[in-house]
Amino acid sequence: MSTLSTHVLDAALGVPATALVVALIGPDAEELAVLATDADGRVRFDLDLAPGGYGLYFDTGPWFASSGRDTFFPGVSLGFAVGGDEHYHVALLLSPYSYTTYKGS
C-alpha cells in the first residue's frame, strides 16, 4: 500500500497556504478524507492507498475569499495515479490566477 501527502504554497505571497481545505477522492469517486493544511501548508493523509486513480480537490475559492482576495480558480482538481508501494507527495504552487503542480518526494 502507498501513502500520500500534499504541500500548498501561496506563490503570490511566498508563504505556506494555511487552513486550505483539501479533499482526497478515491478511485470510485468517493470522498476518502477532508483535511485542512497546517501552518506549513501541509496535509498528510493517514490512509493506505491501493493502486488506482485518485484525486485531490483544493477548495481555493473560500480560502482566497477569507483573505479578501479574488481568484479565477474557485477550486483546483488534480488527478494522479498510485502504482506501487511508495509515498506519494503532490505539491501545489498557488496564486489567484494560476497554479502549477508536481510530484514531489
PDB file of N, CA and C in Angstrom:
ATOM      1  N   MET A   1       0.838  -1.189   0.000  1.00  0.00           N
ATOM      2  CA  MET A   1       0.000   0.000   0.000  1.00  0.00           C
ATOM      3  C   MET A   1       0.883   1.252   0.000  1.00  0.00           C
ATOM      4  N   SER A   2       0.286   2.363  -0.416  1.00  0.00           N
ATOM      5  CA  SER A   2       1.004   3.623  -0.544  1.00  0.00           C
ATOM      6  C   SER A   2       0.413   4.676   0.387  1.00  0.00           C
ATOM      7  N   THR A   3       1.200   5.711   0.652  1.00  0.00           N
ATOM      8  CA  THR A   3       0.752   6.835   1.466  1.00  0.00           C
ATOM      9  C   THR A   3       0.804   8.116   0.637  1.00  0.00           C
ATOM     10  N   LEU A   4       0.183   9.170   1.158  1.00  0.00           N
ATOM     11  CA  LEU A   4       0.050  10.407   0.395  1.00  0.00           C
ATOM     12  C   LEU A   4       0.159  11.633   1.292  1.00  0.00           C
ATOM     13  N   SER A   5       0.839  12.647   0.775  1.00  0.00           N
ATOM     14  CA  SER A   5       0.857  13.961   1.423  1.00  0.00           C
ATOM     15  C   SER A   5       0.784  15.027   0.342  1.00  0.00           C
ATOM     16  N   THR A   6       0.468  16.253   0.768  1.00  0.00           N
ATOM     17  CA  THR A   6       0.455  17.385  -0.143  1.00  0.00           C
ATOM     18  C   THR A   6       1.024  18.600   0.578  1.00  0.00           C
ATOM     19  N   HIS A   7       1.474  19.545  -0.202  1.00  0.00           N
ATOM     20  CA  HIS A   7       2.040  20.789   0.326  1.00  0.00           C
ATOM     21  C   HIS A   7       1.576  21.896  -0.606  1.00  0.00           C
ATOM     22  N   VAL A   8       0.980  22.942  -0.038  1.00  0.00           N
ATOM     23  CA  VAL A   8       0.463  24.048  -0.843  1.00  0.00           C
ATOM     24  C   VAL A   8       1.181  25.325  -0.436  1.00  0.00           C
ATOM     25  N   LEU A   9       1.738  25.990  -1.434  1.00  0.00           N
ATOM     26  CA  LEU A   9       2.400  27.272  -1.206  1.00  0.00           C
ATOM     27  C   LEU A   9       1.649  28.374  -1.938  1.00  0.00           C
ATOM     28  N   ASP A  10       1.437  29.484  -1.266  1.00  0.00           N
ATOM     29  CA  ASP A  10       0.867  30.664  -1.890  1.00  0.00           C
ATOM     30  C   ASP A  10       2.011  31.355  -2.627  1.00  0.00           C
ATOM     31  N   ALA A  11       2.104  31.107  -3.916  1.00  0.00           N
ATOM     32  CA  ALA A  11       3.227  31.623  -4.704  1.00  0.00           C
ATOM     33  C   ALA A  11       3.177  33.143  -4.844  1.00  0.00           C
ATOM     34  N   ALA A  12       1.996  33.727  -4.760  1.00  0.00           N
ATOM     35  CA  ALA A  12       1.884  35.181  -4.890  1.00  0.00           C
ATOM     36  C   ALA A  12       2.455  35.908  -3.675  1.00  0.00           C
ATOM     37  N   LEU A  13       2.289  35.316  -2.496  1.00  0.00           N
ATOM     38  CA  LEU A  13       2.775  35.942  -1.272  1.00  0.00           C
ATOM     39  C   LEU A  13       4.058  35.308  -0.752  1.00  0.00           C
ATOM     40  N   GLY A  14       4.419  34.146  -1.287  1.00  0.00           N
ATOM     41  CA  GLY A  14       5.641  33.479  -0.853  1.00  0.00           C
ATOM     42  C   GLY A  14       5.543  32.860   0.517  1.00  0.00           C
ATOM     43  N   VAL A  15       4.346  32.366   0.880  1.00  0.00           N
ATOM     44  CA  VAL A  15       4.129  31.761   2.192  1.00  0.00           C
ATOM     45  C   VAL A  15       3.328  30.470   2.042  1.00  0.00           C
ATOM     46  N   PRO A  16       3.356  29.595   3.063  1.00  0.00           N
ATOM     47  CA  PRO A  16       2.510  28.400   3.024  1.00  0.00           C
ATOM     48  C   PRO A  16       1.027  28.787   2.994  1.00  0.00           C
ATOM     49  N   ALA A  17       0.241  27.981   2.331  1.00  0.00           N
ATOM     50  CA  ALA A  17      -1.211  28.176   2.284  1.00  0.00           C
ATOM     51  C   ALA A  17      -1.825  27.466   3.491  1.00  0.00           C
ATOM     52  N   THR A  18      -2.004  28.201   4.560  1.00  0.00           N
ATOM     53  CA  THR A  18      -2.506  27.668   5.822  1.00  0.00           C
ATOM     54  C   THR A  18      -4.033  27.600   5.823  1.00  0.00           C
ATOM     55  N   ALA A  19      -4.574  26.511   6.364  1.00  0.00           N
ATOM     56  CA  ALA A  19      -6.021  26.320   6.553  1.00  0.00           C
ATOM     57  C   ALA A  19      -6.784  26.213   5.237  1.00  0.00           C
ATOM     58  N   LEU A  20      -6.156  25.687   4.212  1.00  0.00           N
ATOM     59  CA  LEU A  20      -6.813  25.422   2.933  1.00  0.00           C
ATOM     60  C   LEU A  20      -7.395  24.009   2.988  1.00  0.00           C
ATOM     61  N   VAL A  21      -8.680  23.875   2.710  1.00  0.00           N
ATOM     62  CA  VAL A  21      -9.345  22.575   2.779  1.00  0.00           C
ATOM     63  C   VAL A  21      -8.998  21.752   1.537  1.00  0.00           C
ATOM     64  N   VAL A  22      -8.606  20.486   1.784  1.00  0.00           N
ATOM     65  CA  VAL A  22      -8.206  19.566   0.721  1.00  0.00           C
ATOM     66  C   VAL A  22      -8.974  18.261   0.894  1.00  0.00           C
ATOM     67  N   ALA A  23      -9.597  17.791  -0.181  1.00  0.00           N
ATOM     68  CA  ALA A  23     -10.319  16.521  -0.157  1.00  0.00           C
ATOM     69  C   ALA A  23      -9.562  15.495  -0.982  1.00  0.00           C
ATOM     70  N   LEU A  24      -9.462  14.282  -0.464  1.00  0.00           N
ATOM     71  CA  LEU A  24      -8.885  13.156  -1.192  1.00  0.00           C
ATOM     72  C   LEU A  24     -10.035  12.344  -1.769  1.00  0.00           C
ATOM     73  N   ILE A  25      -9.999  12.150  -3.088  1.00  0.00           N
ATOM     74  CA  ILE A  25     -11.045  11.432  -3.803  1.00  0.00           C
ATOM     75  C   ILE A  25     -10.485  10.088  -4.263  1.00  0.00           C
ATOM     76  N   GLY A  26     -11.228   9.022  -4.008  1.00  0.00           N
ATOM     77  CA  GLY A  26     -10.768   7.673  -4.341  1.00  0.00           C
ATOM     78  C   GLY A  26     -11.086   7.250  -5.752  1.00  0.00           C
ATOM     79  N   PRO A  27     -10.655   6.036  -6.108  1.00  0.00           N
ATOM     80  CA  PRO A  27     -10.836   5.525  -7.467  1.00  0.00           C
ATOM     81  C   PRO A  27     -12.296   5.438  -7.913  1.00  0.00           C
ATOM     82  N   ASP A  28     -13.215   5.276  -6.993  1.00  0.00           N
ATOM     83  CA  ASP A  28     -14.638   5.195  -7.337  1.00  0.00           C
ATOM     84  C   ASP A  28     -15.347   6.533  -7.128  1.00  0.00           C
ATOM     85  N   ALA A  29     -14.582   7.617  -7.120  1.00  0.00           N
ATOM     86  CA  ALA A  29     -15.080   8.989  -6.945  1.00  0.00           C
ATOM     87  C   ALA A  29     -15.654   9.240  -5.556  1.00  0.00           C
ATOM     88  N   GLU A  30     -15.314   8.387  -4.594  1.00  0.00           N
ATOM     89  CA  GLU A  30     -15.780   8.601  -3.231  1.00  0.00           C
ATOM     90  C   GLU A  30     -14.798   9.506  -2.485  1.00  0.00           C
ATOM     91  N   GLU A  31     -15.336  10.306  -1.579  1.00  0.00           N
ATOM     92  CA  GLU A  31     -14.508  11.185  -0.762  1.00  0.00           C
ATOM     93  C   GLU A  31     -13.913  10.359   0.380  1.00  0.00           C
ATOM     94  N   LEU A  32     -12.592  10.216   0.378  1.00  0.00           N
ATOM     95  CA  LEU A  32     -11.924   9.386   1.377  1.00  0.00           C
ATOM     96  C   LEU A  32     -11.550  10.160   2.633  1.00  0.00           C
ATOM     97  N   ALA A  33     -11.238  11.444   2.489  1.00  0.00           N
ATOM     98  CA  ALA A  33     -10.837  12.270   3.630  1.00  0.00           C
ATOM     99  C   ALA A  33     -10.913  13.734   3.231  1.00  0.00           C
ATOM    100  N   VAL A  34     -11.205  14.581   4.218  1.00  0.00           N
ATOM    101  CA  VAL A  34     -11.182  16.029   4.026  1.00  0.00           C
ATOM    102  C   VAL A  34     -10.416  16.619   5.200  1.00  0.00           C
ATOM    103  N   LEU A  35      -9.323  17.305   4.885  1.00  0.00           N
ATOM    104  CA  LEU A  35      -8.468  17.897   5.913  1.00  0.00           C
ATOM    105  C   LEU A  35      -8.096  19.313   5.492  1.00  0.00           C
ATOM    106  N   ALA A  36      -7.569  20.081   6.429  1.00  0.00           N
ATOM    107  CA  ALA A  36      -7.078  21.429   6.130  1.00  0.00           C
ATOM    108  C   ALA A  36      -5.566  21.446   6.300  1.00  0.00           C
ATOM    109  N   THR A  37      -4.906  22.240   5.485  1.00  0.00           N
ATOM    110  CA  THR A  37      -3.452  22.351   5.579  1.00  0.00           C
ATOM    111  C   THR A  37      -3.052  22.946   6.927  1.00  0.00           C
ATOM    112  N   ASP A  38      -1.887  22.531   7.407  1.00  0.00           N
ATOM    113  CA  ASP A  38      -1.374  23.022   8.687  1.00  0.00           C
ATOM    114  C   ASP A  38      -0.644  24.360   8.479  1.00  0.00           C
ATOM    115  N   ALA A  39       0.026  24.822   9.511  1.00  0.00           N
ATOM    116  CA  ALA A  39       0.719  26.115   9.465  1.00  0.00           C
ATOM    117  C   ALA A  39       1.830  26.159   8.422  1.00  0.00           C
ATOM    118  N   ASP A  40       2.306  24.982   8.011  1.00  0.00           N
ATOM    119  CA  ASP A  40       3.339  24.905   6.976  1.00  0.00           C
ATOM    120  C   ASP A  40       2.748  24.602   5.598  1.00  0.00           C
ATOM    121  N   GLY A  41       1.412  24.616   5.488  1.00  0.00           N
ATOM    122  CA  GLY A  41       0.747  24.349   4.218  1.00  0.00           C
ATOM    123  C   GLY A  41       0.701  22.880   3.843  1.00  0.00           C
ATOM    124  N   ARG A  42       0.842  21.994   4.814  1.00  0.00           N
ATOM    125  CA  ARG A  42       0.936  20.557   4.535  1.00  0.00           C
ATOM    126  C   ARG A  42      -0.245  19.769   5.077  1.00  0.00           C
ATOM    127  N   VAL A  43      -0.541  18.677   4.376  1.00  0.00           N
ATOM    128  CA  VAL A  43      -1.510  17.686   4.825  1.00  0.00           C
ATOM    129  C   VAL A  43      -0.903  16.317   4.571  1.00  0.00           C
ATOM    130  N   ARG A  44      -1.009  15.449   5.569  1.00  0.00           N
ATOM    131  CA  ARG A  44      -0.620  14.045   5.399  1.00  0.00           C
ATOM    132  C   ARG A  44      -1.877  13.215   5.615  1.00  0.00           C
ATOM    133  N   PHE A  45      -2.241  12.459   4.609  1.00  0.00           N
ATOM    134  CA  PHE A  45      -3.409  11.592   4.703  1.00  0.00           C
ATOM    135  C   PHE A  45      -2.973  10.263   5.306  1.00  0.00           C
ATOM    136  N   ASP A  46      -3.558   9.912   6.435  1.00  0.00           N
ATOM    137  CA  ASP A  46      -3.192   8.675   7.134  1.00  0.00           C
ATOM    138  C   ASP A  46      -4.035   7.516   6.635  1.00  0.00           C
ATOM    139  N   LEU A  47      -3.876   7.211   5.362  1.00  0.00           N
ATOM    140  CA  LEU A  47      -4.592   6.118   4.709  1.00  0.00           C
ATOM    141  C   LEU A  47      -3.607   5.309   3.884  1.00  0.00           C
ATOM    142  N   ASP A  48      -3.859   4.030   3.771  1.00  0.00           N
ATOM    143  CA  ASP A  48      -3.093   3.199   2.846  1.00  0.00           C
ATOM    144  C   ASP A  48      -3.844   3.179   1.525  1.00  0.00           C
ATOM    145  N   LEU A  49      -3.181   3.580   0.452  1.00  0.00           N
ATOM    146  CA  LEU A  49      -3.819   3.678  -0.853  1.00  0.00           C
ATOM    147  C   LEU A  49      -3.446   2.486  -1.728  1.00  0.00           C
ATOM    148  N   ALA A  50      -4.447   1.810  -2.235  1.00  0.00           N
ATOM    149  CA  ALA A  50      -4.237   0.718  -3.183  1.00  0.00           C
ATOM    150  C   ALA A  50      -3.941   1.328  -4.558  1.00  0.00           C
ATOM    151  N   PRO A  51      -3.347   0.574  -5.457  1.00  0.00           N
ATOM    152  CA  PRO A  51      -3.116   1.098  -6.801  1.00  0.00           C
ATOM    153  C   PRO A  51      -4.416   1.552  -7.453  1.00  0.00           C
ATOM    154  N   GLY A  52      -4.326   2.634  -8.223  1.00  0.00           N
ATOM    155  CA  GLY A  52      -5.503   3.153  -8.921  1.00  0.00           C
ATOM    156  C   GLY A  52      -5.409   4.650  -9.122  1.00  0.00           C
ATOM    157  N   GLY A  53      -6.467   5.204  -9.652  1.00  0.00           N
ATOM    158  CA  GLY A  53      -6.538   6.640  -9.892  1.00  0.00           C
ATOM    159  C   GLY A  53      -7.172   7.359  -8.717  1.00  0.00           C
ATOM    160  N   TYR A  54      -6.565   8.449  -8.292  1.00  0.00           N
ATOM    161  CA  TYR A  54      -7.045   9.242  -7.157  1.00  0.00           C
ATOM    162  C   TYR A  54      -7.099  10.705  -7.564  1.00  0.00           C
ATOM    163  N   GLY A  55      -7.690  11.510  -6.708  1.00  0.00           N
ATOM    164  CA  GLY A  55      -7.747  12.936  -6.958  1.00  0.00           C
ATOM    165  C   GLY A  55      -7.604  13.724  -5.672  1.00  0.00           C
ATOM    166  N   LEU A  56      -7.128  14.923  -5.816  1.00  0.00           N
ATOM    167  CA  LEU A  56      -7.115  15.886  -4.724  1.00  0.00           C
ATOM    168  C   LEU A  56      -7.933  17.084  -5.186  1.00  0.00           C
ATOM    169  N   TYR A  57      -8.815  17.563  -4.315  1.00  0.00           N
ATOM    170  CA  TYR A  57      -9.583  18.766  -4.609  1.00  0.00           C
ATOM    171  C   TYR A  57      -9.213  19.813  -3.574  1.00  0.00           C
ATOM    172  N   PHE A  58      -8.678  20.927  -4.035  1.00  0.00           N
ATOM    173  CA  PHE A  58      -8.270  22.034  -3.189  1.00  0.00           C
ATOM    174  C   PHE A  58      -9.369  23.104  -3.267  1.00  0.00           C
ATOM    175  N   ASP A  59     -10.007  23.415  -2.157  1.00  0.00           N
ATOM    176  CA  ASP A  59     -11.135  24.353  -2.114  1.00  0.00           C
ATOM    177  C   ASP A  59     -10.613  25.788  -2.016  1.00  0.00           C
ATOM    178  N   THR A  60     -10.100  26.278  -3.124  1.00  0.00           N
ATOM    179  CA  THR A  60      -9.368  27.543  -3.136  1.00  0.00           C
ATOM    180  C   THR A  60     -10.253  28.781  -3.071  1.00  0.00           C
ATOM    181  N   GLY A  61     -11.494  28.704  -3.548  1.00  0.00           N
ATOM    182  CA  GLY A  61     -12.372  29.868  -3.541  1.00  0.00           C
ATOM    183  C   GLY A  61     -12.583  30.443  -2.144  1.00  0.00           C
ATOM    184  N   PRO A  62     -13.080  29.642  -1.207  1.00  0.00           N
ATOM    185  CA  PRO A  62     -13.259  30.155   0.156  1.00  0.00           C
ATOM    186  C   PRO A  62     -11.947  30.562   0.816  1.00  0.00           C
ATOM    187  N   TRP A  63     -10.868  29.875   0.482  1.00  0.00           N
ATOM    188  CA  TRP A  63      -9.568  30.195   1.069  1.00  0.00           C
ATOM    189  C   TRP A  63      -9.117  31.589   0.634  1.00  0.00           C
ATOM    190  N   PHE A  64      -9.195  31.879  -0.662  1.00  0.00           N
ATOM    191  CA  PHE A  64      -8.837  33.218  -1.129  1.00  0.00           C
ATOM    192  C   PHE A  64      -9.800  34.264  -0.559  1.00  0.00           C
ATOM    193  N   ALA A  65     -11.100  33.967  -0.553  1.00  0.00           N
ATOM    194  CA  ALA A  65     -12.099  34.912  -0.049  1.00  0.00           C
ATOM    195  C   ALA A  65     -11.863  35.266   1.419  1.00  0.00           C
ATOM    196  N   SER A  66     -11.368  34.306   2.195  1.00  0.00           N
ATOM    197  CA  SER A  66     -11.151  34.560   3.622  1.00  0.00           C
ATOM    198  C   SER A  66     -10.102  35.654   3.870  1.00  0.00           C
ATOM    199  N   SER A  67      -9.271  35.914   2.856  1.00  0.00           N
ATOM    200  CA  SER A  67      -8.280  36.991   2.999  1.00  0.00           C
ATOM    201  C   SER A  67      -8.594  38.173   2.075  1.00  0.00           C
ATOM    202  N   GLY A  68      -9.841  38.207   1.563  1.00  0.00           N
ATOM    203  CA  GLY A  68     -10.268  39.328   0.739  1.00  0.00           C
ATOM    204  C   GLY A  68      -9.662  39.356  -0.647  1.00  0.00           C
ATOM    205  N   ARG A  69      -9.271  38.184  -1.150  1.00  0.00           N
ATOM    206  CA  ARG A  69      -8.636  38.114  -2.469  1.00  0.00           C
ATOM    207  C   ARG A  69      -9.563  37.419  -3.460  1.00  0.00           C
ATOM    208  N   ASP A  70      -9.589  37.905  -4.683  1.00  0.00           N
ATOM    209  CA  ASP A  70     -10.320  37.255  -5.763  1.00  0.00           C
ATOM    210  C   ASP A  70      -9.465  36.133  -6.336  1.00  0.00           C
ATOM    211  N   THR A  71     -10.128  35.199  -7.000  1.00  0.00           N
ATOM    212  CA  THR A  71      -9.403  34.146  -7.702  1.00  0.00           C
ATOM    213  C   THR A  71     -10.182  33.719  -8.930  1.00  0.00           C
ATOM    214  N   PHE A  72      -9.480  33.307  -9.940  1.00  0.00           N
ATOM    215  CA  PHE A  72     -10.088  32.760 -11.154  1.00  0.00           C
ATOM    216  C   PHE A  72     -10.424  31.285 -10.969  1.00  0.00           C
ATOM    217  N   PHE A  73      -9.763  30.633 -10.025  1.00  0.00           N
ATOM    218  CA  PHE A  73      -9.926  29.200  -9.788  1.00  0.00           C
ATOM    219  C   PHE A  73     -10.567  28.961  -8.417  1.00  0.00           C
ATOM    220  N   PRO A  74     -11.899  28.801  -8.349  1.00  0.00           N
ATOM    221  CA  PRO A  74     -12.550  28.564  -7.065  1.00  0.00           C
ATOM    222  C   PRO A  74     -12.249  27.179  -6.493  1.00  0.00           C
ATOM    223  N   GLY A  75     -11.701  26.323  -7.316  1.00  0.00           N
ATOM    224  CA  GLY A  75     -11.280  25.001  -6.880  1.00  0.00           C
ATOM    225  C   GLY A  75     -10.247  24.460  -7.836  1.00  0.00           C
ATOM    226  N   VAL A  76      -9.342  23.662  -7.311  1.00  0.00           N
ATOM    227  CA  VAL A  76      -8.326  23.022  -8.145  1.00  0.00           C
ATOM    228  C   VAL A  76      -8.444  21.522  -7.951  1.00  0.00           C
ATOM    229  N   SER A  77      -8.686  20.810  -9.053  1.00  0.00           N
ATOM    230  CA  SER A  77      -8.781  19.352  -9.025  1.00  0.00           C
ATOM    231  C   SER A  77      -7.569  18.755  -9.722  1.00  0.00           C
ATOM    232  N   LEU A  78      -6.907  17.843  -9.034  1.00  0.00           N
ATOM    233  CA  LEU A  78      -5.741  17.178  -9.602  1.00  0.00           C
ATOM    234  C   LEU A  78      -5.955  15.673  -9.558  1.00  0.00           C
ATOM    235  N   GLY A  79      -5.787  15.027 -10.691  1.00  0.00           N
ATOM    236  CA  GLY A  79      -5.840  13.579 -10.754  1.00  0.00           C
ATOM    237  C   GLY A  79      -4.431  13.023 -10.824  1.00  0.00           C
ATOM    238  N   PHE A  80      -4.232  11.865 -10.199  1.00  0.00           N
ATOM    239  CA  PHE A  80      -2.915  11.231 -10.219  1.00  0.00           C
ATOM    240  C   PHE A  80      -3.086   9.726 -10.052  1.00  0.00           C
ATOM    241  N   ALA A  81      -2.061   8.992 -10.429  1.00  0.00           N
ATOM    242  CA  ALA A  81      -2.099   7.532 -10.372  1.00  0.00           C
ATOM    243  C   ALA A  81      -1.183   7.004  -9.283  1.00  0.00           C
ATOM    244  N   VAL A  82      -1.707   6.099  -8.499  1.00  0.00           N
ATOM    245  CA  VAL A  82      -0.925   5.387  -7.490  1.00  0.00           C
ATOM    246  C   VAL A  82      -0.604   4.021  -8.081  1.00  0.00           C
ATOM    247  N   GLY A  83       0.694   3.699  -8.113  1.00  0.00           N
ATOM    248  CA  GLY A  83       1.086   2.455  -8.746  1.00  0.00           C
ATOM    249  C   GLY A  83       1.625   1.403  -7.812  1.00  0.00           C
ATOM    250  N   GLY A  84       2.568   1.770  -6.981  1.00  0.00           N
ATOM    251  CA  GLY A  84       3.219   0.773  -6.147  1.00  0.00           C
ATOM    252  C   GLY A  84       3.321   1.210  -4.710  1.00  0.00           C
ATOM    253  N   ASP A  85       4.054   0.447  -3.951  1.00  0.00           N
ATOM    254  CA  ASP A  85       4.236   0.738  -2.533  1.00  0.00           C
ATOM    255  C   ASP A  85       5.287   1.828  -2.364  1.00  0.00           C
ATOM    256  N   GLU A  86       4.828   3.064  -2.291  1.00  0.00           N
ATOM    257  CA  GLU A  86       5.721   4.186  -2.067  1.00  0.00           C
ATOM    258  C   GLU A  86       4.928   5.335  -1.468  1.00  0.00           C
ATOM    259  N   HIS A  87       5.630   6.362  -1.064  1.00  0.00           N
ATOM    260  CA  HIS A  87       4.971   7.563  -0.578  1.00  0.00           C
ATOM    261  C   HIS A  87       4.818   8.527  -1.747  1.00  0.00           C
ATOM    262  N   TYR A  88       3.609   9.015  -1.943  1.00  0.00           N
ATOM    263  CA  TYR A  88       3.335   9.990  -2.991  1.00  0.00           C
ATOM    264  C   TYR A  88       3.163  11.358  -2.349  1.00  0.00           C
ATOM    265  N   HIS A  89       3.797  12.353  -2.958  1.00  0.00           N
ATOM    266  CA  HIS A  89       3.687  13.725  -2.478  1.00  0.00           C
ATOM    267  C   HIS A  89       3.302  14.602  -3.667  1.00  0.00           C
ATOM    268  N   VAL A  90       2.171  15.280  -3.537  1.00  0.00           N
ATOM    269  CA  VAL A  90       1.668  16.144  -4.599  1.00  0.00           C
ATOM    270  C   VAL A  90       1.757  17.579  -4.110  1.00  0.00           C
ATOM    271  N   ALA A  91       2.575  18.373  -4.755  1.00  0.00           N
ATOM    272  CA  ALA A  91       2.760  19.769  -4.363  1.00  0.00           C
ATOM    273  C   ALA A  91       1.952  20.686  -5.274  1.00  0.00           C
ATOM    274  N   LEU A  92       1.435  21.771  -4.684  1.00  0.00           N
ATOM    275  CA  LEU A  92       0.663  22.765  -5.431  1.00  0.00           C
ATOM    276  C   LEU A  92       1.213  24.143  -5.128  1.00  0.00           C
ATOM    277  N   LEU A  93       1.606  24.851  -6.176  1.00  0.00           N
ATOM    278  CA  LEU A  93       2.016  26.253  -6.074  1.00  0.00           C
ATOM    279  C   LEU A  93       0.841  27.067  -6.593  1.00  0.00           C
ATOM    280  N   LEU A  94       0.294  27.912  -5.738  1.00  0.00           N
ATOM    281  CA  LEU A  94      -0.991  28.541  -5.998  1.00  0.00           C
ATOM    282  C   LEU A  94      -0.881  30.061  -6.000  1.00  0.00           C
ATOM    283  N   SER A  95      -1.552  30.693  -6.948  1.00  0.00           N
ATOM    284  CA  SER A  95      -1.735  32.144  -6.937  1.00  0.00           C
ATOM    285  C   SER A  95      -3.172  32.404  -7.395  1.00  0.00           C
ATOM    286  N   PRO A  96      -3.670  33.619  -7.291  1.00  0.00           N
ATOM    287  CA  PRO A  96      -5.073  33.863  -7.631  1.00  0.00           C
ATOM    288  C   PRO A  96      -5.447  33.538  -9.079  1.00  0.00           C
ATOM    289  N   TYR A  97      -4.503  33.636 -10.005  1.00  0.00           N
ATOM    290  CA  TYR A  97      -4.838  33.455 -11.413  1.00  0.00           C
ATOM    291  C   TYR A  97      -4.005  32.390 -12.112  1.00  0.00           C
ATOM    292  N   SER A  98      -3.287  31.582 -11.341  1.00  0.00           N
ATOM    293  CA  SER A  98      -2.558  30.464 -11.929  1.00  0.00           C
ATOM    294  C   SER A  98      -2.179  29.481 -10.834  1.00  0.00           C
ATOM    295  N   TYR A  99      -1.839  28.284 -11.269  1.00  0.00           N
ATOM    296  CA  TYR A  99      -1.289  27.294 -10.359  1.00  0.00           C
ATOM    297  C   TYR A  99      -0.432  26.317 -11.154  1.00  0.00           C
ATOM    298  N   THR A 100       0.458  25.659 -10.437  1.00  0.00           N
ATOM    299  CA  THR A 100       1.265  24.602 -11.034  1.00  0.00           C
ATOM    300  C   THR A 100       1.409  23.514  -9.989  1.00  0.00           C
ATOM    301  N   THR A 101       1.685  22.323 -10.450  1.00  0.00           N
ATOM    302  CA  THR A 101       1.782  21.196  -9.546  1.00  0.00           C
ATOM    303  C   THR A 101       2.891  20.263 -10.011  1.00  0.00           C
ATOM    304  N   TYR A 102       3.372  19.440  -9.096  1.00  0.00           N
ATOM    305  CA  TYR A 102       4.387  18.461  -9.457  1.00  0.00           C
ATOM    306  C   TYR A 102       4.383  17.333  -8.438  1.00  0.00           C
ATOM    307  N   LYS A 103       4.958  16.213  -8.848  1.00  0.00           N
ATOM    308  CA  LYS A 103       5.140  15.083  -7.939  1.00  0.00           C
ATOM    309  C   LYS A 103       6.427  15.334  -7.155  1.00  0.00           C
ATOM    310  N   GLY A 104       6.272  15.535  -5.864  1.00  0.00           N
ATOM    311  CA  GLY A 104       7.421  15.784  -5.007  1.00  0.00           C
ATOM    312  C   GLY A 104       7.944  14.504  -4.406  1.00  0.00           C
ATOM    313  N   SER A 105       8.771  14.665  -3.394  1.00  0.00           N
ATOM    314  CA  SER A 105       9.352  13.494  -2.734  1.00  0.00           C
ATOM    315  C   SER A 105       9.048  13.525  -1.260  1.00  0.00           C
TER     316      SER A 105
END
